[in-house]
Amino acid sequence: MVTNWIRHLFFGHFTRGITRKGVRSLINAVKLPHERKNVLRQIDQRAADYVCNEESLATDPPSHGHLEWSSFILAAYQVLLPEFEGPDQTIEALAASMEKAHATPMTLFVLERLMKSFRGDVVRAGRIFDSIMKQYGSFFRWEIKTDDRQLTFTIVRCWYFNFFAAHGVPRLTTCACRLDGLWFNRMSPQRHGLRFNRVRYTTKGYGGENCIFSIEKVK
């Protein structure tokens, strides 16, 4: 019970709260400061409406959190869309603001410790990724393949992509995808004994059939 509550809290309240800080900074950049509270109020209300209307999508504690976070991202996109030239520009601005907000010293410290725990072993990294993904809930589906030299981690079903695609903006998934870079952009052969293969990287949000993350062992 406590574990379920924590997963709901993390994927929902925690990630939404940090994202909201990024959106607040974005609003400051495109509107007059005195309008910020009103715009945030519109986003919060619209997000709350989505959570209420689509509660049936939340089939387990993690998905309750996914719904809260995704609803806020969708609401922020819809409210801020008139302030930009078009959907692509809005999504890029929103994703950049989220990435900056989530790159806190504490988050980067935790990710650094996580990558060090791989110990340069792709098999061990695969087991850790598998344990992490199990916390995301029953909706997600993934495959992990490893050999002595390489780990291929593939997400074949993603809650965020399905939610945004159902609302006609699958590209909005890239706001979540962008946060992946907080760890793989900092993966260092010197510190972690592993290298992220950027050539193979793709996600559903960027138009891929699946989300593919490939990590290679460094001699």
N, C-alpha and C. Protein backbone atom coordinates (compact mmCIF):
# COMPACT_ATOMS: atom_id res chain seq x y z
N MET A 1 0.82 -1.21 0.00
CA MET A 1 0.00 0.00 0.00
C MET A 1 0.86 1.26 0.00
N VAL A 2 1.89 1.29 0.85
CA VAL A 2 2.77 2.45 0.91
C VAL A 2 3.52 2.62 -0.40
N THR A 3 3.98 1.50 -0.97
CA THR A 3 4.70 1.56 -2.24
C THR A 3 3.82 2.11 -3.35
N ASN A 4 2.57 1.70 -3.38
CA ASN A 4 1.63 2.20 -4.40
C ASN A 4 1.42 3.70 -4.25
N TRP A 5 1.29 4.14 -3.02
CA TRP A 5 1.09 5.57 -2.76
C TRP A 5 2.30 6.37 -3.23
N ILE A 6 3.50 5.83 -2.97
CA ILE A 6 4.73 6.52 -3.37
C ILE A 6 4.81 6.61 -4.89
N ARG A 7 4.45 5.53 -5.59
CA ARG A 7 4.50 5.56 -7.06
C ARG A 7 3.51 6.57 -7.62
N HIS A 8 2.33 6.63 -7.06
CA HIS A 8 1.35 7.62 -7.47
C HIS A 8 1.89 9.02 -7.22
N LEU A 9 2.46 9.22 -6.04
CA LEU A 9 3.00 10.53 -5.67
C LEU A 9 4.13 10.95 -6.60
N PHE A 10 5.02 10.02 -6.90
CA PHE A 10 6.19 10.37 -7.73
C PHE A 10 5.78 10.73 -9.15
N PHE A 11 5.04 9.84 -9.81
CA PHE A 11 4.68 10.06 -11.21
C PHE A 11 3.67 11.19 -11.38
N GLY A 12 2.89 11.45 -10.35
CA GLY A 12 1.87 12.50 -10.43
C GLY A 12 2.30 13.80 -9.80
N HIS A 13 2.17 13.90 -8.49
CA HIS A 13 2.40 15.17 -7.79
C HIS A 13 3.83 15.69 -7.96
N PHE A 14 4.81 14.81 -7.82
CA PHE A 14 6.21 15.25 -7.85
C PHE A 14 6.60 15.75 -9.23
N THR A 15 6.43 14.90 -10.26
CA THR A 15 6.83 15.30 -11.61
C THR A 15 5.98 16.46 -12.13
N ARG A 16 4.71 16.47 -11.78
CA ARG A 16 3.85 17.57 -12.19
C ARG A 16 4.30 18.87 -11.56
N GLY A 17 4.69 18.81 -10.28
CA GLY A 17 5.14 20.02 -9.59
C GLY A 17 6.38 20.62 -10.22
N ILE A 18 7.34 19.77 -10.57
CA ILE A 18 8.56 20.28 -11.21
C ILE A 18 8.24 20.83 -12.59
N THR A 19 7.42 20.11 -13.34
CA THR A 19 7.02 20.58 -14.67
C THR A 19 6.31 21.93 -14.58
N ARG A 20 5.50 22.09 -13.56
CA ARG A 20 4.77 23.35 -13.38
C ARG A 20 5.73 24.52 -13.19
N LYS A 21 6.84 24.29 -12.51
CA LYS A 21 7.84 25.35 -12.34
C LYS A 21 8.43 25.74 -13.70
N GLY A 22 8.68 24.74 -14.54
CA GLY A 22 9.19 25.04 -15.88
C GLY A 22 8.19 25.81 -16.71
N VAL A 23 6.93 25.43 -16.61
CA VAL A 23 5.87 26.12 -17.36
C VAL A 23 5.72 27.55 -16.86
N ARG A 24 5.85 27.73 -15.56
CA ARG A 24 5.76 29.09 -15.00
C ARG A 24 6.85 29.99 -15.59
N SER A 25 8.07 29.45 -15.72
CA SER A 25 9.15 30.23 -16.33
C SER A 25 8.87 30.51 -17.79
N LEU A 26 8.27 29.53 -18.48
CA LEU A 26 7.93 29.73 -19.89
C LEU A 26 6.89 30.82 -20.04
N ILE A 27 5.91 30.83 -19.17
CA ILE A 27 4.87 31.87 -19.22
C ILE A 27 5.50 33.25 -19.03
N ASN A 28 6.44 33.35 -18.11
CA ASN A 28 7.12 34.62 -17.88
C ASN A 28 7.84 35.12 -19.13
N ALA A 29 8.28 34.17 -19.96
CA ALA A 29 9.03 34.55 -21.16
C ALA A 29 8.13 35.00 -22.30
N VAL A 30 6.87 34.59 -22.29
CA VAL A 30 6.00 34.91 -23.43
C VAL A 30 4.84 35.84 -23.07
N LYS A 31 4.62 36.09 -21.78
CA LYS A 31 3.52 36.96 -21.38
C LYS A 31 3.98 37.91 -20.29
N LEU A 32 3.18 38.93 -20.04
CA LEU A 32 3.50 39.87 -18.98
C LEU A 32 3.44 39.17 -17.62
N PRO A 33 4.36 39.52 -16.70
CA PRO A 33 4.43 38.84 -15.40
C PRO A 33 3.10 38.80 -14.65
N HIS A 34 2.32 39.88 -14.72
CA HIS A 34 1.08 39.92 -13.96
C HIS A 34 0.01 38.96 -14.49
N GLU A 35 0.25 38.40 -15.70
CA GLU A 35 -0.70 37.46 -16.28
C GLU A 35 -0.40 36.01 -15.90
N ARG A 36 0.75 35.79 -15.28
CA ARG A 36 1.20 34.42 -15.01
C ARG A 36 0.22 33.63 -14.17
N LYS A 37 -0.25 34.21 -13.08
CA LYS A 37 -1.15 33.49 -12.17
C LYS A 37 -2.44 33.08 -12.88
N ASN A 38 -2.95 33.97 -13.71
CA ASN A 38 -4.19 33.67 -14.41
C ASN A 38 -4.00 32.54 -15.42
N VAL A 39 -2.87 32.57 -16.13
CA VAL A 39 -2.59 31.53 -17.12
C VAL A 39 -2.38 30.19 -16.42
N LEU A 40 -1.62 30.18 -15.33
CA LEU A 40 -1.42 28.94 -14.58
C LEU A 40 -2.73 28.40 -14.03
N ARG A 41 -3.60 29.31 -13.64
CA ARG A 41 -4.91 28.89 -13.13
C ARG A 41 -5.71 28.20 -14.24
N GLN A 42 -5.64 28.75 -15.44
CA GLN A 42 -6.33 28.12 -16.58
C GLN A 42 -5.78 26.72 -16.85
N ILE A 43 -4.45 26.60 -16.81
CA ILE A 43 -3.83 25.30 -17.07
C ILE A 43 -4.21 24.29 -15.99
N ASP A 44 -4.13 24.71 -14.73
CA ASP A 44 -4.47 23.82 -13.62
C ASP A 44 -5.92 23.33 -13.73
N GLN A 45 -6.83 24.24 -14.08
CA GLN A 45 -8.23 23.87 -14.16
C GLN A 45 -8.48 22.90 -15.32
N ARG A 46 -7.86 23.19 -16.46
CA ARG A 46 -8.05 22.31 -17.60
C ARG A 46 -7.45 20.93 -17.33
N ALA A 47 -6.30 20.91 -16.68
CA ALA A 47 -5.67 19.63 -16.34
C ALA A 47 -6.55 18.84 -15.36
N ALA A 48 -7.12 19.52 -14.38
CA ALA A 48 -8.00 18.86 -13.42
C ALA A 48 -9.23 18.27 -14.11
N ASP A 49 -9.73 18.97 -15.12
CA ASP A 49 -10.88 18.46 -15.87
C ASP A 49 -10.52 17.18 -16.63
N TYR A 50 -9.32 17.15 -17.23
CA TYR A 50 -8.89 15.94 -17.93
C TYR A 50 -8.77 14.76 -16.96
N VAL A 51 -8.19 15.01 -15.81
CA VAL A 51 -8.03 13.95 -14.81
C VAL A 51 -9.39 13.41 -14.40
N CYS A 52 -10.34 14.30 -14.19
CA CYS A 52 -11.69 13.90 -13.77
C CYS A 52 -12.41 13.13 -14.88
N ASN A 53 -12.32 13.64 -16.10
CA ASN A 53 -13.06 13.03 -17.21
C ASN A 53 -12.46 11.72 -17.69
N GLU A 54 -11.16 11.53 -17.48
CA GLU A 54 -10.50 10.34 -18.01
C GLU A 54 -9.95 9.45 -16.89
N GLU A 55 -10.59 9.49 -15.77
CA GLU A 55 -10.15 8.72 -14.61
C GLU A 55 -10.14 7.21 -14.90
N SER A 56 -10.96 6.76 -15.85
CA SER A 56 -11.01 5.34 -16.18
C SER A 56 -9.68 4.83 -16.75
N LEU A 57 -8.83 5.74 -17.23
CA LEU A 57 -7.53 5.34 -17.77
C LEU A 57 -6.56 4.93 -16.67
N ALA A 58 -6.83 5.39 -15.45
CA ALA A 58 -5.94 5.12 -14.33
C ALA A 58 -6.31 3.79 -13.69
N THR A 59 -5.67 2.74 -14.16
CA THR A 59 -6.02 1.38 -13.73
C THR A 59 -5.16 0.88 -12.58
N ASP A 60 -4.11 1.60 -12.24
CA ASP A 60 -3.27 1.23 -11.09
C ASP A 60 -2.64 2.51 -10.54
N PRO A 61 -2.00 2.47 -9.37
CA PRO A 61 -1.44 3.69 -8.77
C PRO A 61 -0.47 4.46 -9.67
N PRO A 62 0.48 3.80 -10.36
CA PRO A 62 1.35 4.59 -11.24
C PRO A 62 0.59 5.33 -12.33
N SER A 63 -0.43 4.68 -12.92
CA SER A 63 -1.15 5.33 -14.01
C SER A 63 -1.98 6.51 -13.51
N HIS A 64 -2.36 6.52 -12.24
CA HIS A 64 -2.98 7.72 -11.68
C HIS A 64 -2.01 8.89 -11.77
N GLY A 65 -0.75 8.60 -11.43
CA GLY A 65 0.27 9.64 -11.55
C GLY A 65 0.53 10.03 -12.98
N HIS A 66 0.61 9.04 -13.89
CA HIS A 66 0.81 9.35 -15.31
C HIS A 66 -0.30 10.25 -15.84
N LEU A 67 -1.52 9.97 -15.41
CA LEU A 67 -2.66 10.77 -15.88
C LEU A 67 -2.55 12.21 -15.40
N GLU A 68 -2.16 12.41 -14.16
CA GLU A 68 -2.03 13.77 -13.62
C GLU A 68 -0.95 14.55 -14.37
N TRP A 69 0.18 13.92 -14.58
CA TRP A 69 1.29 14.61 -15.25
C TRP A 69 0.96 14.88 -16.71
N SER A 70 0.48 13.86 -17.41
CA SER A 70 0.15 14.03 -18.83
C SER A 70 -0.95 15.07 -19.04
N SER A 71 -1.93 15.08 -18.15
CA SER A 71 -3.03 16.05 -18.26
C SER A 71 -2.50 17.47 -18.12
N PHE A 72 -1.54 17.66 -17.23
CA PHE A 72 -0.98 19.00 -17.06
C PHE A 72 -0.20 19.42 -18.31
N ILE A 73 0.59 18.50 -18.87
CA ILE A 73 1.35 18.82 -20.09
C ILE A 73 0.41 19.16 -21.23
N LEU A 74 -0.64 18.37 -21.41
CA LEU A 74 -1.61 18.62 -22.48
C LEU A 74 -2.30 19.96 -22.28
N ALA A 75 -2.70 20.26 -21.06
CA ALA A 75 -3.37 21.52 -20.77
C ALA A 75 -2.45 22.71 -21.01
N ALA A 76 -1.18 22.58 -20.60
CA ALA A 76 -0.21 23.66 -20.82
C ALA A 76 -0.02 23.90 -22.32
N TYR A 77 0.07 22.82 -23.08
CA TYR A 77 0.22 22.94 -24.54
C TYR A 77 -0.97 23.68 -25.14
N GLN A 78 -2.17 23.31 -24.76
CA GLN A 78 -3.37 23.91 -25.35
C GLN A 78 -3.51 25.39 -24.98
N VAL A 79 -3.21 25.71 -23.74
CA VAL A 79 -3.36 27.10 -23.29
C VAL A 79 -2.28 27.99 -23.90
N LEU A 80 -1.06 27.47 -24.06
CA LEU A 80 0.05 28.29 -24.55
C LEU A 80 0.19 28.30 -26.07
N LEU A 81 -0.53 27.42 -26.76
CA LEU A 81 -0.41 27.32 -28.22
C LEU A 81 -0.58 28.65 -28.94
N PRO A 82 -1.54 29.52 -28.56
CA PRO A 82 -1.69 30.80 -29.26
C PRO A 82 -0.49 31.73 -29.13
N GLU A 83 0.38 31.47 -28.17
CA GLU A 83 1.53 32.34 -27.95
C GLU A 83 2.71 32.03 -28.87
N PHE A 84 2.61 30.94 -29.65
CA PHE A 84 3.72 30.52 -30.51
C PHE A 84 3.25 30.43 -31.96
N GLU A 85 4.20 30.20 -32.85
CA GLU A 85 3.89 30.19 -34.27
C GLU A 85 3.08 28.97 -34.69
N GLY A 86 3.19 27.89 -33.93
CA GLY A 86 2.47 26.68 -34.29
C GLY A 86 2.73 25.57 -33.30
N PRO A 87 2.18 24.38 -33.54
CA PRO A 87 2.33 23.26 -32.62
C PRO A 87 3.78 22.87 -32.35
N ASP A 88 4.60 22.78 -33.41
CA ASP A 88 5.99 22.35 -33.22
C ASP A 88 6.75 23.31 -32.32
N GLN A 89 6.56 24.62 -32.54
CA GLN A 89 7.25 25.61 -31.72
C GLN A 89 6.77 25.56 -30.27
N THR A 90 5.49 25.32 -30.08
CA THR A 90 4.94 25.23 -28.73
C THR A 90 5.50 24.02 -28.00
N ILE A 91 5.52 22.88 -28.69
CA ILE A 91 6.03 21.64 -28.08
C ILE A 91 7.51 21.78 -27.74
N GLU A 92 8.28 22.38 -28.64
CA GLU A 92 9.70 22.57 -28.38
C GLU A 92 9.93 23.47 -27.18
N ALA A 93 9.19 24.56 -27.09
CA ALA A 93 9.35 25.47 -25.96
C ALA A 93 8.95 24.80 -24.65
N LEU A 94 7.87 24.04 -24.69
CA LEU A 94 7.39 23.34 -23.50
C LEU A 94 8.39 22.27 -23.07
N ALA A 95 8.91 21.51 -24.03
CA ALA A 95 9.88 20.46 -23.71
C ALA A 95 11.16 21.04 -23.14
N ALA A 96 11.62 22.16 -23.71
CA ALA A 96 12.85 22.79 -23.21
C ALA A 96 12.67 23.30 -21.79
N SER A 97 11.51 23.88 -21.52
CA SER A 97 11.26 24.40 -20.17
C SER A 97 11.18 23.26 -19.15
N MET A 98 10.61 22.13 -19.56
CA MET A 98 10.52 20.97 -18.68
C MET A 98 11.90 20.39 -18.41
N GLU A 99 12.69 20.26 -19.46
CA GLU A 99 14.04 19.70 -19.30
C GLU A 99 14.87 20.54 -18.33
N LYS A 100 14.79 21.85 -18.49
CA LYS A 100 15.55 22.74 -17.61
C LYS A 100 15.07 22.64 -16.17
N ALA A 101 13.76 22.57 -15.98
CA ALA A 101 13.21 22.50 -14.63
C ALA A 101 13.57 21.20 -13.93
N HIS A 102 13.60 20.10 -14.67
CA HIS A 102 13.87 18.79 -14.07
C HIS A 102 15.36 18.54 -13.83
N ALA A 103 16.21 19.36 -14.44
CA ALA A 103 17.66 19.17 -14.27
C ALA A 103 18.14 19.80 -12.96
N THR A 104 17.54 19.39 -11.86
CA THR A 104 17.93 19.91 -10.55
C THR A 104 19.19 19.19 -10.07
N PRO A 105 19.96 19.80 -9.18
CA PRO A 105 21.15 19.13 -8.64
C PRO A 105 20.83 17.77 -8.02
N MET A 106 19.71 17.68 -7.32
CA MET A 106 19.35 16.42 -6.69
C MET A 106 19.05 15.34 -7.74
N THR A 107 18.29 15.71 -8.77
CA THR A 107 17.97 14.76 -9.83
C THR A 107 19.23 14.27 -10.53
N LEU A 108 20.13 15.19 -10.86
CA LEU A 108 21.36 14.82 -11.55
C LEU A 108 22.25 13.97 -10.66
N PHE A 109 22.24 14.24 -9.36
CA PHE A 109 23.02 13.42 -8.43
C PHE A 109 22.49 11.98 -8.40
N VAL A 110 21.16 11.85 -8.32
CA VAL A 110 20.55 10.51 -8.29
C VAL A 110 20.85 9.76 -9.57
N LEU A 111 20.75 10.44 -10.72
CA LEU A 111 21.02 9.79 -12.00
C LEU A 111 22.49 9.38 -12.10
N GLU A 112 23.38 10.20 -11.58
CA GLU A 112 24.80 9.86 -11.59
C GLU A 112 25.06 8.60 -10.75
N ARG A 113 24.43 8.54 -9.58
CA ARG A 113 24.60 7.35 -8.74
C ARG A 113 24.00 6.12 -9.43
N LEU A 114 22.90 6.31 -10.13
CA LEU A 114 22.27 5.20 -10.84
C LEU A 114 23.22 4.65 -11.90
N MET A 115 23.82 5.54 -12.70
CA MET A 115 24.69 5.08 -13.77
C MET A 115 25.97 4.45 -13.23
N LYS A 116 26.44 4.95 -12.09
CA LYS A 116 27.60 4.32 -11.47
C LYS A 116 27.28 2.92 -10.98
N SER A 117 26.01 2.71 -10.61
CA SER A 117 25.61 1.40 -10.12
C SER A 117 25.62 0.35 -11.23
N PHE A 118 25.67 0.79 -12.50
CA PHE A 118 25.77 -0.17 -13.61
C PHE A 118 27.12 -0.89 -13.58
N ARG A 119 28.14 -0.19 -13.05
CA ARG A 119 29.49 -0.76 -12.91
C ARG A 119 30.08 -1.25 -14.23
N GLY A 120 29.71 -0.56 -15.30
CA GLY A 120 30.25 -0.92 -16.60
C GLY A 120 29.77 -2.25 -17.13
N ASP A 121 28.70 -2.78 -16.56
CA ASP A 121 28.18 -4.11 -16.91
C ASP A 121 26.81 -3.95 -17.55
N VAL A 122 26.68 -4.29 -18.83
CA VAL A 122 25.41 -4.10 -19.52
C VAL A 122 24.33 -5.06 -19.00
N VAL A 123 24.73 -6.23 -18.56
CA VAL A 123 23.75 -7.18 -18.01
C VAL A 123 23.18 -6.63 -16.71
N ARG A 124 24.05 -6.11 -15.88
CA ARG A 124 23.59 -5.50 -14.63
C ARG A 124 22.70 -4.29 -14.91
N ALA A 125 23.09 -3.47 -15.90
CA ALA A 125 22.28 -2.31 -16.28
C ALA A 125 20.89 -2.76 -16.74
N GLY A 126 20.83 -3.87 -17.47
CA GLY A 126 19.54 -4.39 -17.94
C GLY A 126 18.65 -4.78 -16.78
N ARG A 127 19.21 -5.41 -15.76
CA ARG A 127 18.41 -5.80 -14.59
C ARG A 127 17.88 -4.56 -13.86
N ILE A 128 18.71 -3.53 -13.79
CA ILE A 128 18.29 -2.30 -13.11
C ILE A 128 17.18 -1.61 -13.89
N PHE A 129 17.33 -1.52 -15.22
CA PHE A 129 16.28 -0.92 -16.04
C PHE A 129 14.97 -1.69 -15.90
N ASP A 130 15.06 -3.00 -15.86
CA ASP A 130 13.86 -3.82 -15.71
C ASP A 130 13.16 -3.52 -14.39
N SER A 131 13.93 -3.39 -13.32
CA SER A 131 13.35 -3.07 -12.01
C SER A 131 12.70 -1.69 -12.00
N ILE A 132 13.34 -0.74 -12.67
CA ILE A 132 12.79 0.61 -12.73
C ILE A 132 11.48 0.62 -13.50
N MET A 133 11.45 -0.06 -14.64
CA MET A 133 10.25 -0.04 -15.47
C MET A 133 9.06 -0.70 -14.78
N LYS A 134 9.30 -1.65 -13.92
CA LYS A 134 8.21 -2.29 -13.19
C LYS A 134 7.47 -1.30 -12.30
N GLN A 135 8.15 -0.21 -11.93
CA GLN A 135 7.51 0.81 -11.10
C GLN A 135 6.55 1.68 -11.90
N TYR A 136 6.64 1.62 -13.23
CA TYR A 136 5.81 2.45 -14.09
C TYR A 136 4.39 1.92 -14.25
N GLY A 137 4.15 0.72 -13.78
CA GLY A 137 2.79 0.19 -13.83
C GLY A 137 2.56 -0.81 -14.94
N SER A 138 1.35 -1.36 -14.93
CA SER A 138 1.03 -2.49 -15.79
C SER A 138 0.82 -2.11 -17.26
N PHE A 139 0.60 -0.82 -17.55
CA PHE A 139 0.32 -0.46 -18.94
C PHE A 139 1.56 -0.59 -19.81
N PHE A 140 2.72 -0.23 -19.28
CA PHE A 140 3.95 -0.25 -20.06
C PHE A 140 4.36 -1.67 -20.41
N ARG A 141 4.91 -1.83 -21.63
CA ARG A 141 5.48 -3.09 -22.06
C ARG A 141 6.89 -2.80 -22.60
N TRP A 142 7.83 -3.66 -22.26
CA TRP A 142 9.20 -3.42 -22.69
C TRP A 142 9.94 -4.74 -22.87
N GLU A 143 11.04 -4.66 -23.60
CA GLU A 143 11.92 -5.81 -23.83
C GLU A 143 13.35 -5.38 -23.58
N ILE A 144 14.12 -6.26 -22.97
CA ILE A 144 15.53 -5.97 -22.70
C ILE A 144 16.36 -7.13 -23.22
N LYS A 145 17.28 -6.83 -24.13
CA LYS A 145 18.17 -7.84 -24.67
C LYS A 145 19.61 -7.43 -24.38
N THR A 146 20.39 -8.37 -23.90
CA THR A 146 21.79 -8.08 -23.59
C THR A 146 22.69 -9.21 -24.08
N ASP A 147 23.92 -8.82 -24.38
CA ASP A 147 24.98 -9.79 -24.58
C ASP A 147 26.20 -9.25 -23.83
N ASP A 148 27.35 -9.73 -24.12
CA ASP A 148 28.53 -9.29 -23.37
C ASP A 148 28.88 -7.83 -23.61
N ARG A 149 28.44 -7.30 -24.73
CA ARG A 149 28.89 -5.97 -25.13
C ARG A 149 27.81 -4.91 -25.19
N GLN A 150 26.55 -5.32 -25.34
CA GLN A 150 25.51 -4.33 -25.63
C GLN A 150 24.19 -4.65 -24.95
N LEU A 151 23.52 -3.59 -24.55
CA LEU A 151 22.16 -3.67 -24.01
C LEU A 151 21.22 -2.93 -24.96
N THR A 152 20.14 -3.58 -25.34
CA THR A 152 19.09 -2.92 -26.12
C THR A 152 17.81 -2.96 -25.30
N PHE A 153 17.36 -1.77 -24.93
CA PHE A 153 16.18 -1.63 -24.09
C PHE A 153 15.08 -1.01 -24.96
N THR A 154 13.99 -1.75 -25.17
CA THR A 154 12.93 -1.32 -26.08
C THR A 154 11.60 -1.21 -25.35
N ILE A 155 10.98 -0.04 -25.43
CA ILE A 155 9.63 0.14 -24.89
C ILE A 155 8.65 -0.01 -26.04
N VAL A 156 7.79 -1.01 -25.96
CA VAL A 156 6.86 -1.29 -27.05
C VAL A 156 5.46 -0.71 -26.79
N ARG A 157 5.16 -0.38 -25.52
CA ARG A 157 3.89 0.27 -25.22
C ARG A 157 4.13 1.33 -24.14
N CYS A 158 3.76 2.55 -24.46
CA CYS A 158 4.05 3.70 -23.59
C CYS A 158 2.75 4.41 -23.23
N TRP A 159 2.53 4.62 -21.96
CA TRP A 159 1.31 5.28 -21.49
C TRP A 159 1.22 6.70 -22.04
N TYR A 160 2.32 7.42 -22.01
CA TYR A 160 2.30 8.82 -22.44
C TYR A 160 1.96 8.95 -23.92
N PHE A 161 2.58 8.11 -24.74
CA PHE A 161 2.30 8.19 -26.18
C PHE A 161 0.83 7.91 -26.46
N ASN A 162 0.29 6.88 -25.83
CA ASN A 162 -1.12 6.53 -26.06
C ASN A 162 -2.04 7.66 -25.63
N PHE A 163 -1.74 8.31 -24.53
CA PHE A 163 -2.57 9.40 -24.03
C PHE A 163 -2.55 10.58 -25.00
N PHE A 164 -1.35 11.02 -25.40
CA PHE A 164 -1.25 12.19 -26.27
C PHE A 164 -1.76 11.88 -27.68
N ALA A 165 -1.53 10.65 -28.15
CA ALA A 165 -2.05 10.27 -29.47
C ALA A 165 -3.57 10.28 -29.47
N ALA A 166 -4.18 9.85 -28.37
CA ALA A 166 -5.64 9.84 -28.26
C ALA A 166 -6.21 11.25 -28.33
N HIS A 167 -5.37 12.25 -27.97
CA HIS A 167 -5.81 13.65 -28.01
C HIS A 167 -5.30 14.37 -29.26
N GLY A 168 -4.79 13.60 -30.20
CA GLY A 168 -4.42 14.18 -31.49
C GLY A 168 -3.07 14.86 -31.55
N VAL A 169 -2.26 14.73 -30.49
CA VAL A 169 -0.93 15.36 -30.49
C VAL A 169 0.13 14.36 -30.01
N PRO A 170 0.35 13.27 -30.77
CA PRO A 170 1.35 12.28 -30.35
C PRO A 170 2.74 12.87 -30.16
N ARG A 171 3.01 13.94 -30.94
CA ARG A 171 4.33 14.58 -30.84
C ARG A 171 4.58 15.18 -29.46
N LEU A 172 3.52 15.42 -28.72
CA LEU A 172 3.66 15.99 -27.39
C LEU A 172 4.39 15.02 -26.45
N THR A 173 4.45 13.75 -26.84
CA THR A 173 5.18 12.75 -26.06
C THR A 173 6.65 13.13 -25.93
N THR A 174 7.17 13.91 -26.88
CA THR A 174 8.59 14.28 -26.83
C THR A 174 8.92 15.12 -25.61
N CYS A 175 7.92 15.72 -24.98
CA CYS A 175 8.18 16.45 -23.73
C CYS A 175 8.67 15.49 -22.65
N ALA A 176 8.09 14.28 -22.64
CA ALA A 176 8.56 13.26 -21.71
C ALA A 176 9.86 12.63 -22.21
N CYS A 177 9.95 12.39 -23.52
CA CYS A 177 11.16 11.80 -24.10
C CYS A 177 12.38 12.67 -23.81
N ARG A 178 12.18 13.97 -23.84
CA ARG A 178 13.29 14.91 -23.67
C ARG A 178 14.00 14.70 -22.33
N LEU A 179 13.26 14.24 -21.33
CA LEU A 179 13.85 14.04 -20.00
C LEU A 179 14.79 12.85 -19.97
N ASP A 180 14.68 11.94 -20.95
CA ASP A 180 15.62 10.81 -21.01
C ASP A 180 17.05 11.31 -21.16
N GLY A 181 17.20 12.44 -21.84
CA GLY A 181 18.53 12.98 -22.06
C GLY A 181 19.24 13.39 -20.78
N LEU A 182 18.50 13.56 -19.70
CA LEU A 182 19.14 13.93 -18.44
C LEU A 182 20.10 12.85 -17.96
N TRP A 183 19.82 11.59 -18.36
CA TRP A 183 20.77 10.55 -17.98
C TRP A 183 21.68 10.15 -19.13
N PHE A 184 21.14 9.93 -20.33
CA PHE A 184 22.04 9.39 -21.35
C PHE A 184 23.00 10.44 -21.90
N ASN A 185 22.67 11.73 -21.82
CA ASN A 185 23.63 12.75 -22.24
C ASN A 185 24.80 12.87 -21.28
N ARG A 186 24.64 12.33 -20.09
CA ARG A 186 25.70 12.39 -19.07
C ARG A 186 26.41 11.06 -18.87
N MET A 187 26.04 10.06 -19.64
CA MET A 187 26.71 8.78 -19.54
C MET A 187 28.12 8.90 -20.11
N SER A 188 29.10 8.55 -19.31
CA SER A 188 30.50 8.77 -19.67
C SER A 188 31.27 7.45 -19.63
N PRO A 189 31.97 7.11 -20.71
CA PRO A 189 32.81 5.90 -20.69
C PRO A 189 33.85 5.95 -19.57
N GLN A 190 34.37 7.15 -19.29
CA GLN A 190 35.39 7.27 -18.26
C GLN A 190 34.82 7.01 -16.86
N ARG A 191 33.61 7.50 -16.59
CA ARG A 191 33.04 7.35 -15.24
C ARG A 191 32.22 6.09 -15.08
N HIS A 192 31.54 5.66 -16.15
CA HIS A 192 30.58 4.57 -16.03
C HIS A 192 30.95 3.32 -16.81
N GLY A 193 31.97 3.40 -17.67
CA GLY A 193 32.38 2.25 -18.45
C GLY A 193 31.40 1.87 -19.55
N LEU A 194 30.44 2.76 -19.83
CA LEU A 194 29.41 2.50 -20.83
C LEU A 194 29.24 3.72 -21.73
N ARG A 195 28.70 3.46 -22.91
CA ARG A 195 28.44 4.55 -23.87
C ARG A 195 27.03 4.40 -24.41
N PHE A 196 26.31 5.53 -24.51
CA PHE A 196 24.97 5.52 -25.09
C PHE A 196 25.09 5.64 -26.61
N ASN A 197 24.43 4.74 -27.33
CA ASN A 197 24.46 4.74 -28.79
C ASN A 197 23.36 5.67 -29.32
N ARG A 198 23.72 6.87 -29.68
CA ARG A 198 22.74 7.87 -30.13
C ARG A 198 22.20 7.54 -31.53
N VAL A 199 22.96 6.78 -32.32
CA VAL A 199 22.52 6.46 -33.68
C VAL A 199 21.27 5.59 -33.63
N ARG A 200 21.19 4.68 -32.67
CA ARG A 200 20.06 3.76 -32.60
C ARG A 200 18.88 4.34 -31.83
N TYR A 201 19.10 5.44 -31.14
CA TYR A 201 18.05 6.00 -30.29
C TYR A 201 16.86 6.52 -31.10
N THR A 202 15.68 6.12 -30.69
CA THR A 202 14.45 6.68 -31.24
C THR A 202 13.33 6.45 -30.23
N THR A 203 12.25 7.18 -30.37
CA THR A 203 11.09 6.97 -29.50
C THR A 203 9.81 7.09 -30.31
N LYS A 204 8.72 6.64 -29.74
CA LYS A 204 7.43 6.77 -30.39
C LYS A 204 7.09 8.25 -30.61
N GLY A 205 7.46 9.09 -29.66
CA GLY A 205 7.18 10.52 -29.79
C GLY A 205 7.87 11.15 -30.98
N TYR A 206 9.05 10.62 -31.33
CA TYR A 206 9.80 11.13 -32.48
C TYR A 206 9.46 10.38 -33.76
N GLY A 207 8.43 9.55 -33.72
CA GLY A 207 7.98 8.88 -34.93
C GLY A 207 8.44 7.43 -35.07
N GLY A 208 9.17 6.92 -34.09
CA GLY A 208 9.63 5.54 -34.16
C GLY A 208 8.51 4.56 -33.85
N GLU A 209 8.67 3.33 -34.32
CA GLU A 209 7.68 2.30 -34.02
C GLU A 209 7.70 1.97 -32.54
N ASN A 210 8.90 1.95 -31.95
CA ASN A 210 9.08 1.72 -30.52
C ASN A 210 10.11 2.71 -30.00
N CYS A 211 10.28 2.73 -28.69
CA CYS A 211 11.34 3.53 -28.07
C CYS A 211 12.55 2.63 -27.87
N ILE A 212 13.69 3.00 -28.44
CA ILE A 212 14.87 2.15 -28.39
C ILE A 212 16.03 2.91 -27.73
N PHE A 213 16.57 2.28 -26.69
CA PHE A 213 17.75 2.81 -26.00
C PHE A 213 18.83 1.73 -26.07
N SER A 214 20.00 2.10 -26.55
CA SER A 214 21.08 1.15 -26.72
C SER A 214 22.31 1.63 -25.96
N ILE A 215 22.86 0.75 -25.12
CA ILE A 215 24.03 1.08 -24.33
C ILE A 215 25.12 0.06 -24.63
N GLU A 216 26.33 0.55 -24.84
CA GLU A 216 27.45 -0.31 -25.21
C GLU A 216 28.52 -0.29 -24.14
N LYS A 217 29.13 -1.43 -23.92
CA LYS A 217 30.25 -1.52 -23.00
C LYS A 217 31.50 -0.99 -23.67
N VAL A 218 32.29 -0.25 -22.93
CA VAL A 218 33.51 0.35 -23.47
C VAL A 218 34.71 -0.49 -23.03
N LYS A 219 35.60 -0.76 -23.96
CA LYS A 219 36.79 -1.55 -23.61
C LYS A 219 37.65 -0.77 -22.65
